[in-house]
Amino acid sequence: VLGVLQDRGFHVGLVTDGRMSGASGKVPSAIHMWPECIDGGP
């Protein structure tokens, strides 16, 4: 999904307290963010 948006010329990224696959690649991301949301993370 995000790869399609990037290929269409949009500036896209992902910020999450979750994981991406080891096969994820071309879309910039900030992952594993903590404190995680369930603990009141920002």
ModelCIF file with pLDDT and N, C-alpha, C, O atoms, coordinates in Angstrom:
data_MODEL
#
_entry.id   MODEL 
#
_entity.id                         1 
_entity.type                       polymer 
_entity.pdbx_number_of_molecules   1 
#
_entity_poly.entity_id                      1 
_entity_poly.type                           'polypeptide(L)' 
_entity_poly.nstd_linkage                   no 
_entity_poly.nstd_monomer                   no 
_entity_poly.pdbx_seq_one_letter_code       VLGVLQDRGFHVGLVTDGRMSGASGKVPSAIHMWPECIDGGP 
_entity_poly.pdbx_seq_one_letter_code_can   VLGVLQDRGFHVGLVTDGRMSGASGKVPSAIHMWPECIDGGP 
_entity_poly.pdbx_strand_id                 A 
#
loop_
_entity_poly_seq.entity_id 
_entity_poly_seq.num 
_entity_poly_seq.mon_id 
_entity_poly_seq.hetero 
1 1  VAL n 
1 2  LEU n 
1 3  GLY n 
1 4  VAL n 
1 5  LEU n 
1 6  GLN n 
1 7  ASP n 
1 8  ARG n 
1 9  GLY n 
1 10 PHE n 
1 11 HIS n 
1 12 VAL n 
1 13 GLY n 
1 14 LEU n 
1 15 VAL n 
1 16 THR n 
1 17 ASP n 
1 18 GLY n 
1 19 ARG n 
1 20 MET n 
1 21 SER n 
1 22 GLY n 
1 23 ALA n 
1 24 SER n 
1 25 GLY n 
1 26 LYS n 
1 27 VAL n 
1 28 PRO n 
1 29 SER n 
1 30 ALA n 
1 31 ILE n 
1 32 HIS n 
1 33 MET n 
1 34 TRP n 
1 35 PRO n 
1 36 GLU n 
1 37 CYS n 
1 38 ILE n 
1 39 ASP n 
1 40 GLY n 
1 41 GLY n 
1 42 PRO n 
#
_struct_asym.id          A 
_struct_asym.entity_id   1 
#
loop_
_ma_qa_metric.id 
_ma_qa_metric.mode 
_ma_qa_metric.name 
_ma_qa_metric.software_group_id 
_ma_qa_metric.type 
1 global pLDDT . pLDDT 
2 local  pLDDT . pLDDT 
#
_ma_qa_metric_global.metric_id      1 
_ma_qa_metric_global.metric_value   91.14 
_ma_qa_metric_global.model_id       1 
_ma_qa_metric_global.ordinal_id     1 
#
loop_
_ma_qa_metric_local.label_asym_id 
_ma_qa_metric_local.label_comp_id 
_ma_qa_metric_local.label_seq_id 
_ma_qa_metric_local.metric_id 
_ma_qa_metric_local.metric_value 
_ma_qa_metric_local.model_id 
_ma_qa_metric_local.ordinal_id 
A VAL 1  2 90.00 1 1  
A LEU 2  2 93.00 1 2  
A GLY 3  2 91.00 1 3  
A VAL 4  2 92.00 1 4  
A LEU 5  2 95.00 1 5  
A GLN 6  2 95.00 1 6  
A ASP 7  2 93.00 1 7  
A ARG 8  2 95.00 1 8  
A GLY 9  2 96.00 1 9  
A PHE 10 2 97.00 1 10 
A HIS 11 2 97.00 1 11 
A VAL 12 2 97.00 1 12 
A GLY 13 2 96.00 1 13 
A LEU 14 2 96.00 1 14 
A VAL 15 2 97.00 1 15 
A THR 16 2 97.00 1 16 
A ASP 17 2 97.00 1 17 
A GLY 18 2 95.00 1 18 
A ARG 19 2 93.00 1 19 
A MET 20 2 86.00 1 20 
A SER 21 2 71.00 1 21 
A GLY 22 2 59.00 1 22 
A ALA 23 2 56.00 1 23 
A SER 24 2 62.00 1 24 
A GLY 25 2 74.00 1 25 
A LYS 26 2 88.00 1 26 
A VAL 27 2 93.00 1 27 
A PRO 28 2 94.00 1 28 
A SER 29 2 94.00 1 29 
A ALA 30 2 96.00 1 30 
A ILE 31 2 96.00 1 31 
A HIS 32 2 97.00 1 32 
A MET 33 2 97.00 1 33 
A TRP 34 2 96.00 1 34 
A PRO 35 2 97.00 1 35 
A GLU 36 2 96.00 1 36 
A CYS 37 2 97.00 1 37 
A ILE 38 2 96.00 1 38 
A ASP 39 2 95.00 1 39 
A GLY 40 2 93.00 1 40 
A GLY 41 2 96.00 1 41 
A PRO 42 2 97.00 1 42 
#
loop_
_atom_site.group_PDB 
_atom_site.id 
_atom_site.type_symbol 
_atom_site.label_atom_id 
_atom_site.label_alt_id 
_atom_site.label_comp_id 
_atom_site.label_asym_id 
_atom_site.label_entity_id 
_atom_site.label_seq_id 
_atom_site.pdbx_PDB_ins_code 
_atom_site.Cartn_x 
_atom_site.Cartn_y 
_atom_site.Cartn_z 
_atom_site.occupancy 
_atom_site.B_iso_or_equiv 
_atom_site.pdbx_formal_charge 
_atom_site.auth_seq_id 
_atom_site.auth_comp_id 
_atom_site.auth_asym_id 
_atom_site.auth_atom_id 
_atom_site.pdbx_PDB_model_num 
ATOM 1   N N  . VAL A 1 1  ? 0.830  -1.205 0.000  1.00 90.00 ? 1  VAL A N  1 
ATOM 2   C CA . VAL A 1 1  ? 0.000  0.000  0.000  1.00 90.00 ? 1  VAL A CA 1 
ATOM 3   C C  . VAL A 1 1  ? 0.866  1.258  0.000  1.00 90.00 ? 1  VAL A C  1 
ATOM 4   O O  . VAL A 1 1  ? 0.693  2.137  -0.845 1.00 90.00 ? 1  VAL A O  1 
ATOM 5   N N  . LEU A 1 2  ? 1.791  1.341  0.943  1.00 93.00 ? 2  LEU A N  1 
ATOM 6   C CA . LEU A 1 2  ? 2.636  2.524  1.032  1.00 93.00 ? 2  LEU A CA 1 
ATOM 7   C C  . LEU A 1 2  ? 3.584  2.612  -0.160 1.00 93.00 ? 2  LEU A C  1 
ATOM 8   O O  . LEU A 1 2  ? 3.912  3.707  -0.618 1.00 93.00 ? 2  LEU A O  1 
ATOM 9   N N  . GLY A 1 3  ? 4.021  1.459  -0.660 1.00 91.00 ? 3  GLY A N  1 
ATOM 10  C CA . GLY A 1 3  ? 4.877  1.453  -1.839 1.00 91.00 ? 3  GLY A CA 1 
ATOM 11  C C  . GLY A 1 3  ? 4.175  2.016  -3.062 1.00 91.00 ? 3  GLY A C  1 
ATOM 12  O O  . GLY A 1 3  ? 4.782  2.740  -3.851 1.00 91.00 ? 3  GLY A O  1 
ATOM 13  N N  . VAL A 1 4  ? 2.885  1.685  -3.225 1.00 92.00 ? 4  VAL A N  1 
ATOM 14  C CA . VAL A 1 4  ? 2.107  2.228  -4.336 1.00 92.00 ? 4  VAL A CA 1 
ATOM 15  C C  . VAL A 1 4  ? 2.019  3.747  -4.237 1.00 92.00 ? 4  VAL A C  1 
ATOM 16  O O  . VAL A 1 4  ? 2.206  4.448  -5.231 1.00 92.00 ? 4  VAL A O  1 
ATOM 17  N N  . LEU A 1 5  ? 1.738  4.252  -3.044 1.00 95.00 ? 5  LEU A N  1 
ATOM 18  C CA . LEU A 1 5  ? 1.620  5.703  -2.849 1.00 95.00 ? 5  LEU A CA 1 
ATOM 19  C C  . LEU A 1 5  ? 2.939  6.395  -3.162 1.00 95.00 ? 5  LEU A C  1 
ATOM 20  O O  . LEU A 1 5  ? 2.962  7.450  -3.795 1.00 95.00 ? 5  LEU A O  1 
ATOM 21  N N  . GLN A 1 6  ? 4.036  5.793  -2.713 1.00 95.00 ? 6  GLN A N  1 
ATOM 22  C CA . GLN A 1 6  ? 5.348  6.380  -2.992 1.00 95.00 ? 6  GLN A CA 1 
ATOM 23  C C  . GLN A 1 6  ? 5.623  6.397  -4.491 1.00 95.00 ? 6  GLN A C  1 
ATOM 24  O O  . GLN A 1 6  ? 6.145  7.379  -5.019 1.00 95.00 ? 6  GLN A O  1 
ATOM 25  N N  . ASP A 1 7  ? 5.271  5.312  -5.175 1.00 93.00 ? 7  ASP A N  1 
ATOM 26  C CA . ASP A 1 7  ? 5.489  5.236  -6.612 1.00 93.00 ? 7  ASP A CA 1 
ATOM 27  C C  . ASP A 1 7  ? 4.625  6.243  -7.378 1.00 93.00 ? 7  ASP A C  1 
ATOM 28  O O  . ASP A 1 7  ? 4.962  6.627  -8.499 1.00 93.00 ? 7  ASP A O  1 
ATOM 29  N N  . ARG A 1 8  ? 3.531  6.662  -6.782 1.00 95.00 ? 8  ARG A N  1 
ATOM 30  C CA . ARG A 1 8  ? 2.664  7.661  -7.418 1.00 95.00 ? 8  ARG A CA 1 
ATOM 31  C C  . ARG A 1 8  ? 3.165  9.088  -7.191 1.00 95.00 ? 8  ARG A C  1 
ATOM 32  O O  . ARG A 1 8  ? 2.548  10.052 -7.644 1.00 95.00 ? 8  ARG A O  1 
ATOM 33  N N  . GLY A 1 9  ? 4.280  9.208  -6.490 1.00 96.00 ? 9  GLY A N  1 
ATOM 34  C CA . GLY A 1 9  ? 4.891  10.516 -6.323 1.00 96.00 ? 9  GLY A CA 1 
ATOM 35  C C  . GLY A 1 9  ? 4.599  11.198 -5.003 1.00 96.00 ? 9  GLY A C  1 
ATOM 36  O O  . GLY A 1 9  ? 5.044  12.325 -4.786 1.00 96.00 ? 9  GLY A O  1 
ATOM 37  N N  . PHE A 1 10 ? 3.868  10.552 -4.118 1.00 97.00 ? 10 PHE A N  1 
ATOM 38  C CA . PHE A 1 10 ? 3.568  11.155 -2.831 1.00 97.00 ? 10 PHE A CA 1 
ATOM 39  C C  . PHE A 1 10 ? 4.721  10.945 -1.851 1.00 97.00 ? 10 PHE A C  1 
ATOM 40  O O  . PHE A 1 10 ? 5.473  9.976  -1.955 1.00 97.00 ? 10 PHE A O  1 
ATOM 41  N N  . HIS A 1 11 ? 4.845  11.861 -0.910 1.00 97.00 ? 11 HIS A N  1 
ATOM 42  C CA . HIS A 1 11 ? 5.821  11.727 0.166  1.00 97.00 ? 11 HIS A CA 1 
ATOM 43  C C  . HIS A 1 11 ? 5.130  10.986 1.304  1.00 97.00 ? 11 HIS A C  1 
ATOM 44  O O  . HIS A 1 11 ? 4.205  11.515 1.920  1.00 97.00 ? 11 HIS A O  1 
ATOM 45  N N  . VAL A 1 12 ? 5.572  9.773  1.581  1.00 97.00 ? 12 VAL A N  1 
ATOM 46  C CA . VAL A 1 12 ? 4.889  8.936  2.568  1.00 97.00 ? 12 VAL A CA 1 
ATOM 47  C C  . VAL A 1 12 ? 5.894  8.352  3.557  1.00 97.00 ? 12 VAL A C  1 
ATOM 48  O O  . VAL A 1 12 ? 7.078  8.205  3.255  1.00 97.00 ? 12 VAL A O  1 
ATOM 49  N N  . GLY A 1 13 ? 5.397  8.028  4.727  1.00 96.00 ? 13 GLY A N  1 
ATOM 50  C CA . GLY A 1 13 ? 6.214  7.386  5.749  1.00 96.00 ? 13 GLY A CA 1 
ATOM 51  C C  . GLY A 1 13 ? 5.318  6.680  6.745  1.00 96.00 ? 13 GLY A C  1 
ATOM 52  O O  . GLY A 1 13 ? 4.093  6.792  6.691  1.00 96.00 ? 13 GLY A O  1 
ATOM 53  N N  . LEU A 1 14 ? 5.937  5.962  7.642  1.00 96.00 ? 14 LEU A N  1 
ATOM 54  C CA . LEU A 1 14 ? 5.212  5.203  8.666  1.00 96.00 ? 14 LEU A CA 1 
ATOM 55  C C  . LEU A 1 14 ? 5.880  5.408  10.011 1.00 96.00 ? 14 LEU A C  1 
ATOM 56  O O  . LEU A 1 14 ? 7.103  5.331  10.129 1.00 96.00 ? 14 LEU A O  1 
ATOM 57  N N  . VAL A 1 15 ? 5.066  5.671  11.026 1.00 97.00 ? 15 VAL A N  1 
ATOM 58  C CA . VAL A 1 15 ? 5.545  5.740  12.405 1.00 97.00 ? 15 VAL A CA 1 
ATOM 59  C C  . VAL A 1 15 ? 4.638  4.830  13.226 1.00 97.00 ? 15 VAL A C  1 
ATOM 60  O O  . VAL A 1 15 ? 3.419  5.000  13.219 1.00 97.00 ? 15 VAL A O  1 
ATOM 61  N N  . THR A 1 16 ? 5.223  3.868  13.932 1.00 97.00 ? 16 THR A N  1 
ATOM 62  C CA . THR A 1 16 ? 4.420  2.883  14.656 1.00 97.00 ? 16 THR A CA 1 
ATOM 63  C C  . THR A 1 16 ? 5.172  2.317  15.847 1.00 97.00 ? 16 THR A C  1 
ATOM 64  O O  . THR A 1 16 ? 6.403  2.286  15.865 1.00 97.00 ? 16 THR A O  1 
ATOM 65  N N  . ASP A 1 17 ? 4.421  1.872  16.836 1.00 97.00 ? 17 ASP A N  1 
ATOM 66  C CA . ASP A 1 17 ? 5.041  1.127  17.935 1.00 97.00 ? 17 ASP A CA 1 
ATOM 67  C C  . ASP A 1 17 ? 5.047  -0.367 17.636 1.00 97.00 ? 17 ASP A C  1 
ATOM 68  O O  . ASP A 1 17 ? 5.314  -1.177 18.524 1.00 97.00 ? 17 ASP A O  1 
ATOM 69  N N  . GLY A 1 18 ? 4.755  -0.735 16.396 1.00 95.00 ? 18 GLY A N  1 
ATOM 70  C CA . GLY A 1 18 ? 4.768  -2.126 15.971 1.00 95.00 ? 18 GLY A CA 1 
ATOM 71  C C  . GLY A 1 18 ? 6.002  -2.485 15.176 1.00 95.00 ? 18 GLY A C  1 
ATOM 72  O O  . GLY A 1 18 ? 6.971  -1.727 15.123 1.00 95.00 ? 18 GLY A O  1 
ATOM 73  N N  . ARG A 1 19 ? 5.953  -3.668 14.552 1.00 93.00 ? 19 ARG A N  1 
ATOM 74  C CA . ARG A 1 19 ? 7.081  -4.180 13.766 1.00 93.00 ? 19 ARG A CA 1 
ATOM 75  C C  . ARG A 1 19 ? 6.720  -4.163 12.287 1.00 93.00 ? 19 ARG A C  1 
ATOM 76  O O  . ARG A 1 19 ? 5.551  -4.260 11.913 1.00 93.00 ? 19 ARG A O  1 
ATOM 77  N N  . MET A 1 20 ? 7.746  -4.037 11.459 1.00 86.00 ? 20 MET A N  1 
ATOM 78  C CA . MET A 1 20 ? 7.585  -4.292 10.041 1.00 86.00 ? 20 MET A CA 1 
ATOM 79  C C  . MET A 1 20 ? 8.290  -5.598 9.723  1.00 86.00 ? 20 MET A C  1 
ATOM 80  O O  . MET A 1 20 ? 9.111  -6.085 10.501 1.00 86.00 ? 20 MET A O  1 
ATOM 81  N N  . SER A 1 21 ? 7.959  -6.153 8.577  1.00 71.00 ? 21 SER A N  1 
ATOM 82  C CA . SER A 1 21 ? 8.583  -7.410 8.184  1.00 71.00 ? 21 SER A CA 1 
ATOM 83  C C  . SER A 1 21 ? 10.060 -7.224 7.905  1.00 71.00 ? 21 SER A C  1 
ATOM 84  O O  . SER A 1 21 ? 10.509 -6.127 7.571  1.00 71.00 ? 21 SER A O  1 
ATOM 85  N N  . GLY A 1 22 ? 10.807 -8.296 8.045  1.00 59.00 ? 22 GLY A N  1 
ATOM 86  C CA . GLY A 1 22 ? 12.201 -8.271 7.638  1.00 59.00 ? 22 GLY A CA 1 
ATOM 87  C C  . GLY A 1 22 ? 12.347 -8.015 6.153  1.00 59.00 ? 22 GLY A C  1 
ATOM 88  O O  . GLY A 1 22 ? 13.431 -7.669 5.684  1.00 59.00 ? 22 GLY A O  1 
ATOM 89  N N  . ALA A 1 23 ? 11.255 -8.183 5.403  1.00 56.00 ? 23 ALA A N  1 
ATOM 90  C CA . ALA A 1 23 ? 11.288 -7.955 3.961  1.00 56.00 ? 23 ALA A CA 1 
ATOM 91  C C  . ALA A 1 23 ? 10.842 -6.547 3.581  1.00 56.00 ? 23 ALA A C  1 
ATOM 92  O O  . ALA A 1 23 ? 10.804 -6.215 2.396  1.00 56.00 ? 23 ALA A O  1 
ATOM 93  N N  . SER A 1 24 ? 10.500 -5.706 4.574  1.00 62.00 ? 24 SER A N  1 
ATOM 94  C CA . SER A 1 24 ? 10.077 -4.346 4.250  1.00 62.00 ? 24 SER A CA 1 
ATOM 95  C C  . SER A 1 24 ? 11.263 -3.563 3.722  1.00 62.00 ? 24 SER A C  1 
ATOM 96  O O  . SER A 1 24 ? 12.413 -3.910 3.992  1.00 62.00 ? 24 SER A O  1 
ATOM 97  N N  . GLY A 1 25 ? 10.990 -2.518 2.978  1.00 74.00 ? 25 GLY A N  1 
ATOM 98  C CA . GLY A 1 25 ? 12.134 -1.885 2.358  1.00 74.00 ? 25 GLY A CA 1 
ATOM 99  C C  . GLY A 1 25 ? 12.025 -0.412 2.046  1.00 74.00 ? 25 GLY A C  1 
ATOM 100 O O  . GLY A 1 25 ? 12.513 0.412  2.820  1.00 74.00 ? 25 GLY A O  1 
ATOM 101 N N  . LYS A 1 26 ? 11.393 -0.045 0.921  1.00 88.00 ? 26 LYS A N  1 
ATOM 102 C CA . LYS A 1 26 ? 11.662 1.240  0.297  1.00 88.00 ? 26 LYS A CA 1 
ATOM 103 C C  . LYS A 1 26 ? 10.937 2.430  0.916  1.00 88.00 ? 26 LYS A C  1 
ATOM 104 O O  . LYS A 1 26 ? 11.257 3.570  0.577  1.00 88.00 ? 26 LYS A O  1 
ATOM 105 N N  . VAL A 1 27 ? 9.978  2.212  1.806  1.00 93.00 ? 27 VAL A N  1 
ATOM 106 C CA . VAL A 1 27 ? 9.247  3.308  2.436  1.00 93.00 ? 27 VAL A CA 1 
ATOM 107 C C  . VAL A 1 27 ? 9.896  3.649  3.776  1.00 93.00 ? 27 VAL A C  1 
ATOM 108 O O  . VAL A 1 27 ? 10.099 2.751  4.593  1.00 93.00 ? 27 VAL A O  1 
ATOM 109 N N  . PRO A 1 28 ? 10.231 4.928  4.031  1.00 94.00 ? 28 PRO A N  1 
ATOM 110 C CA . PRO A 1 28 ? 10.873 5.280  5.302  1.00 94.00 ? 28 PRO A CA 1 
ATOM 111 C C  . PRO A 1 28 ? 9.923  5.069  6.474  1.00 94.00 ? 28 PRO A C  1 
ATOM 112 O O  . PRO A 1 28 ? 8.720  5.304  6.370  1.00 94.00 ? 28 PRO A O  1 
ATOM 113 N N  . SER A 1 29 ? 10.483 4.625  7.577  1.00 94.00 ? 29 SER A N  1 
ATOM 114 C CA . SER A 1 29 ? 9.638  4.320  8.731  1.00 94.00 ? 29 SER A CA 1 
ATOM 115 C C  . SER A 1 29 ? 10.410 4.508  10.030 1.00 94.00 ? 29 SER A C  1 
ATOM 116 O O  . SER A 1 29 ? 11.638 4.438  10.067 1.00 94.00 ? 29 SER A O  1 
ATOM 117 N N  . ALA A 1 30 ? 9.665  4.744  11.071 1.00 96.00 ? 30 ALA A N  1 
ATOM 118 C CA . ALA A 1 30 ? 10.181 4.681  12.438 1.00 96.00 ? 30 ALA A CA 1 
ATOM 119 C C  . ALA A 1 30 ? 9.330  3.631  13.140 1.00 96.00 ? 30 ALA A C  1 
ATOM 120 O O  . ALA A 1 30 ? 8.133  3.832  13.347 1.00 96.00 ? 30 ALA A O  1 
ATOM 121 N N  . ILE A 1 31 ? 9.944  2.516  13.503 1.00 96.00 ? 31 ILE A N  1 
ATOM 122 C CA . ILE A 1 31 ? 9.210  1.379  14.045 1.00 96.00 ? 31 ILE A CA 1 
ATOM 123 C C  . ILE A 1 31 ? 9.695  1.054  15.455 1.00 96.00 ? 31 ILE A C  1 
ATOM 124 O O  . ILE A 1 31 ? 10.684 1.612  15.930 1.00 96.00 ? 31 ILE A O  1 
ATOM 125 N N  . HIS A 1 32 ? 8.987  0.149  16.111 1.00 97.00 ? 32 HIS A N  1 
ATOM 126 C CA . HIS A 1 32 ? 9.322  -0.279 17.479 1.00 97.00 ? 32 HIS A CA 1 
ATOM 127 C C  . HIS A 1 32 ? 9.286  0.905  18.444 1.00 97.00 ? 32 HIS A C  1 
ATOM 128 O O  . HIS A 1 32 ? 9.968  0.867  19.467 1.00 97.00 ? 32 HIS A O  1 
ATOM 129 N N  . MET A 1 33 ? 8.519  1.945  18.156 1.00 97.00 ? 33 MET A N  1 
ATOM 130 C CA . MET A 1 33 ? 8.526  3.151  18.985 1.00 97.00 ? 33 MET A CA 1 
ATOM 131 C C  . MET A 1 33 ? 8.040  2.815  20.394 1.00 97.00 ? 33 MET A C  1 
ATOM 132 O O  . MET A 1 33 ? 7.034  2.131  20.582 1.00 97.00 ? 33 MET A O  1 
ATOM 133 N N  . TRP A 1 34 ? 8.776  3.314  21.363 1.00 96.00 ? 34 TRP A N  1 
ATOM 134 C CA . TRP A 1 34 ? 8.362  3.156  22.748 1.00 96.00 ? 34 TRP A CA 1 
ATOM 135 C C  . TRP A 1 34 ? 8.662  4.421  23.536 1.00 96.00 ? 34 TRP A C  1 
ATOM 136 O O  . TRP A 1 34 ? 9.542  5.178  23.126 1.00 96.00 ? 34 TRP A O  1 
ATOM 137 N N  . PRO A 1 35 ? 7.979  4.694  24.645 1.00 97.00 ? 35 PRO A N  1 
ATOM 138 C CA . PRO A 1 35 ? 6.953  3.845  25.260 1.00 97.00 ? 35 PRO A CA 1 
ATOM 139 C C  . PRO A 1 35 ? 5.818  3.554  24.275 1.00 97.00 ? 35 PRO A C  1 
ATOM 140 O O  . PRO A 1 35 ? 5.408  4.424  23.506 1.00 97.00 ? 35 PRO A O  1 
ATOM 141 N N  . GLU A 1 36 ? 5.320  2.317  24.313 1.00 96.00 ? 36 GLU A N  1 
ATOM 142 C CA . GLU A 1 36 ? 4.261  1.964  23.393 1.00 96.00 ? 36 GLU A CA 1 
ATOM 143 C C  . GLU A 1 36 ? 2.961  2.634  23.821 1.00 96.00 ? 36 GLU A C  1 
ATOM 144 O O  . GLU A 1 36 ? 2.811  3.058  24.967 1.00 96.00 ? 36 GLU A O  1 
ATOM 145 N N  . CYS A 1 37 ? 2.041  2.721  22.892 1.00 97.00 ? 37 CYS A N  1 
ATOM 146 C CA . CYS A 1 37 ? 0.833  3.513  23.112 1.00 97.00 ? 37 CYS A CA 1 
ATOM 147 C C  . CYS A 1 37 ? 0.009  3.024  24.293 1.00 97.00 ? 37 CYS A C  1 
ATOM 148 O O  . CYS A 1 37 ? -0.578 3.828  25.017 1.00 97.00 ? 37 CYS A O  1 
ATOM 149 N N  . ILE A 1 38 ? -0.038 1.712  24.492 1.00 96.00 ? 38 ILE A N  1 
ATOM 150 C CA . ILE A 1 38 ? -0.858 1.194  25.582 1.00 96.00 ? 38 ILE A CA 1 
ATOM 151 C C  . ILE A 1 38 ? -0.319 1.608  26.945 1.00 96.00 ? 38 ILE A C  1 
ATOM 152 O O  . ILE A 1 38 ? -1.046 1.584  27.938 1.00 96.00 ? 38 ILE A O  1 
ATOM 153 N N  . ASP A 1 39 ? 0.957  1.988  26.990 1.00 95.00 ? 39 ASP A N  1 
ATOM 154 C CA . ASP A 1 39 ? 1.563  2.518  28.220 1.00 95.00 ? 39 ASP A CA 1 
ATOM 155 C C  . ASP A 1 39 ? 1.542  4.041  28.255 1.00 95.00 ? 39 ASP A C  1 
ATOM 156 O O  . ASP A 1 39 ? 2.254  4.654  29.051 1.00 95.00 ? 39 ASP A O  1 
ATOM 157 N N  . GLY A 1 40 ? 0.723  4.661  27.390 1.00 93.00 ? 40 GLY A N  1 
ATOM 158 C CA . GLY A 1 40 ? 0.645  6.110  27.357 1.00 93.00 ? 40 GLY A CA 1 
ATOM 159 C C  . GLY A 1 40 ? 1.722  6.766  26.534 1.00 93.00 ? 40 GLY A C  1 
ATOM 160 O O  . GLY A 1 40 ? 2.005  7.949  26.727 1.00 93.00 ? 40 GLY A O  1 
ATOM 161 N N  . GLY A 1 41 ? 2.334  6.036  25.620 1.00 96.00 ? 41 GLY A N  1 
ATOM 162 C CA . GLY A 1 41 ? 3.381  6.585  24.769 1.00 96.00 ? 41 GLY A CA 1 
ATOM 163 C C  . GLY A 1 41 ? 2.890  7.763  23.944 1.00 96.00 ? 41 GLY A C  1 
ATOM 164 O O  . GLY A 1 41 ? 1.693  7.881  23.681 1.00 96.00 ? 41 GLY A O  1 
ATOM 165 N N  . PRO A 1 42 ? 3.799  8.630  23.536 1.00 97.00 ? 42 PRO A N  1 
ATOM 166 C CA . PRO A 1 42 ? 3.396  9.869  22.860 1.00 97.00 ? 42 PRO A CA 1 
ATOM 167 C C  . PRO A 1 42 ? 2.676  9.674  21.537 1.00 97.00 ? 42 PRO A C  1 
ATOM 168 O O  . PRO A 1 42 ? 2.296  10.650 20.891 1.00 97.00 ? 42 PRO A O  1 
#
